[in-house]
Amino acid sequence: MDSKTQYDEMLREKPTDFLSEAPDHFLLNKKDLFLIGAHPFSEATRRRMIKEGKFPTGFLLSANLRLWRLGEIREWLKTLQGE
């Protein structure tokens, strides 16, 4: 099993392990963010938070697909814990 498959399985089965063990460059979509607990709000709220600089912008892979690097999300979660 390759490492991507291993991390994909870990994301689905043990999201807290994934959050601490997967490499920072691993890419996440909005469904993945929900699985690790980093997207507990609506789409509209996420978009507003991105505009306000309160949520990582990630990058658009296509017109309808935004992805985030796990490292960005980890940093964002750390800032939330510091508040």
C-alpha atoms as a PDB file:
ATOM      1  CA  MET A   1       0.000   0.000   0.000  1.00  0.00           C
ATOM      2  CA  ASP A   2       1.417   3.401  -0.937  1.00  0.00           C
ATOM      3  CA  SER A   3       1.597   6.228   1.577  1.00  0.00           C
ATOM      4  CA  LYS A   4      -1.238   8.239  -0.035  1.00  0.00           C
ATOM      5  CA  THR A   5      -3.587   5.267   0.299  1.00  0.00           C
ATOM      6  CA  GLN A   6      -2.437   4.776   3.878  1.00  0.00           C
ATOM      7  CA  TYR A   7      -3.187   8.418   4.758  1.00  0.00           C
ATOM      8  CA  ASP A   8      -6.515   8.336   2.901  1.00  0.00           C
ATOM      9  CA  GLU A   9      -7.574   5.345   4.995  1.00  0.00           C
ATOM     10  CA  MET A  10      -6.345   6.993   8.185  1.00  0.00           C
ATOM     11  CA  LEU A  11      -8.298  10.160   7.333  1.00  0.00           C
ATOM     12  CA  ARG A  12     -11.509   8.164   6.989  1.00  0.00           C
ATOM     13  CA  GLU A  13     -10.985   5.812   9.956  1.00  0.00           C
ATOM     14  CA  LYS A  14      -8.956   7.817  12.503  1.00  0.00           C
ATOM     15  CA  PRO A  15      -9.100  11.531  11.649  1.00  0.00           C
ATOM     16  CA  THR A  16      -7.338  12.620  14.864  1.00  0.00           C
ATOM     17  CA  ASP A  17      -4.371  10.341  14.055  1.00  0.00           C
ATOM     18  CA  PHE A  18      -4.333  11.712  10.521  1.00  0.00           C
ATOM     19  CA  LEU A  19      -4.188  15.288  11.801  1.00  0.00           C
ATOM     20  CA  SER A  20      -1.080  14.578  13.845  1.00  0.00           C
ATOM     21  CA  GLU A  21       0.723  12.099  11.558  1.00  0.00           C
ATOM     22  CA  ALA A  22       0.135  13.074   7.915  1.00  0.00           C
ATOM     23  CA  PRO A  23       2.706  15.319   6.187  1.00  0.00           C
ATOM     24  CA  ASP A  24       2.053  19.076   5.937  1.00  0.00           C
ATOM     25  CA  HIS A  25       1.895  18.978   2.131  1.00  0.00           C
ATOM     26  CA  PHE A  26      -1.078  16.573   2.129  1.00  0.00           C
ATOM     27  CA  LEU A  27      -4.026  18.181   0.290  1.00  0.00           C
ATOM     28  CA  LEU A  28      -7.513  18.362   1.785  1.00  0.00           C
ATOM     29  CA  ASN A  29     -10.879  19.186   0.258  1.00  0.00           C
ATOM     30  CA  LYS A  30     -13.866  20.538   2.217  1.00  0.00           C
ATOM     31  CA  LYS A  31     -15.129  17.021   2.983  1.00  0.00           C
ATOM     32  CA  ASP A  32     -11.730  16.155   4.481  1.00  0.00           C
ATOM     33  CA  LEU A  33     -11.810  19.363   6.556  1.00  0.00           C
ATOM     34  CA  PHE A  34     -15.152  18.266   7.979  1.00  0.00           C
ATOM     35  CA  LEU A  35     -13.749  14.809   8.866  1.00  0.00           C
ATOM     36  CA  ILE A  36     -10.871  16.271  10.890  1.00  0.00           C
ATOM     37  CA  GLY A  37     -13.143  18.799  12.593  1.00  0.00           C
ATOM     38  CA  ALA A  38     -11.769  21.881  10.866  1.00  0.00           C
ATOM     39  CA  HIS A  39     -14.976  22.802   9.008  1.00  0.00           C
ATOM     40  CA  PRO A  40     -17.851  22.795  11.520  1.00  0.00           C
ATOM     41  CA  PHE A  41     -19.679  25.640   9.763  1.00  0.00           C
ATOM     42  CA  SER A  42     -21.633  26.338   6.589  1.00  0.00           C
ATOM     43  CA  GLU A  43     -20.203  27.058   3.149  1.00  0.00           C
ATOM     44  CA  ALA A  44     -21.314  30.689   3.400  1.00  0.00           C
ATOM     45  CA  THR A  45     -19.556  31.086   6.743  1.00  0.00           C
ATOM     46  CA  ARG A  46     -16.357  29.549   5.378  1.00  0.00           C
ATOM     47  CA  ARG A  47     -16.390  31.891   2.380  1.00  0.00           C
ATOM     48  CA  ARG A  48     -16.973  34.897   4.647  1.00  0.00           C
ATOM     49  CA  MET A  49     -14.182  33.791   6.969  1.00  0.00           C
ATOM     50  CA  ILE A  50     -11.796  33.447   4.006  1.00  0.00           C
ATOM     51  CA  LYS A  51     -12.677  36.988   2.843  1.00  0.00           C
ATOM     52  CA  GLU A  52     -12.122  38.300   6.382  1.00  0.00           C
ATOM     53  CA  GLY A  53      -8.785  36.471   6.703  1.00  0.00           C
ATOM     54  CA  LYS A  54     -10.099  34.231   9.487  1.00  0.00           C
ATOM     55  CA  PHE A  55      -9.738  30.946   7.589  1.00  0.00           C
ATOM     56  CA  PRO A  56      -6.915  29.763   5.301  1.00  0.00           C
ATOM     57  CA  THR A  57      -7.567  30.574   1.653  1.00  0.00           C
ATOM     58  CA  GLY A  58      -6.126  27.376   0.249  1.00  0.00           C
ATOM     59  CA  PHE A  59      -6.042  27.376  -3.547  1.00  0.00           C
ATOM     60  CA  LEU A  60      -8.405  26.665  -6.410  1.00  0.00           C
ATOM     61  CA  LEU A  61      -7.566  23.543  -8.372  1.00  0.00           C
ATOM     62  CA  SER A  62     -10.440  24.292 -10.731  1.00  0.00           C
ATOM     63  CA  ALA A  63     -13.356  26.727 -10.790  1.00  0.00           C
ATOM     64  CA  ASN A  64     -15.298  24.615  -8.290  1.00  0.00           C
ATOM     65  CA  LEU A  65     -12.617  22.830  -6.283  1.00  0.00           C
ATOM     66  CA  ARG A  66     -10.674  24.491  -3.474  1.00  0.00           C
ATOM     67  CA  LEU A  67      -7.962  22.559  -1.636  1.00  0.00           C
ATOM     68  CA  TRP A  68      -5.944  23.261   1.497  1.00  0.00           C
ATOM     69  CA  ARG A  69      -2.554  21.980   2.575  1.00  0.00           C
ATOM     70  CA  LEU A  70      -2.720  20.176   5.888  1.00  0.00           C
ATOM     71  CA  GLY A  71       0.048  22.415   7.246  1.00  0.00           C
ATOM     72  CA  GLU A  72      -2.158  25.507   6.670  1.00  0.00           C
ATOM     73  CA  ILE A  73      -5.002  23.902   8.572  1.00  0.00           C
ATOM     74  CA  ARG A  74      -2.739  22.831  11.437  1.00  0.00           C
ATOM     75  CA  GLU A  75      -1.480  26.416  11.799  1.00  0.00           C
ATOM     76  CA  TRP A  76      -5.036  27.765  11.716  1.00  0.00           C
ATOM     77  CA  LEU A  77      -6.148  25.292  14.394  1.00  0.00           C
ATOM     78  CA  LYS A  78      -3.193  26.363  16.584  1.00  0.00           C
ATOM     79  CA  THR A  79      -4.311  29.995  16.337  1.00  0.00           C
ATOM     80  CA  LEU A  80      -7.793  28.981  17.466  1.00  0.00           C
ATOM     81  CA  GLN A  81      -6.368  27.201  20.502  1.00  0.00           C
ATOM     82  CA  GLY A  82      -4.381  30.324  21.391  1.00  0.00           C
ATOM     83  CA  GLU A  83      -7.512  32.522  21.496  1.00  0.00           C
END
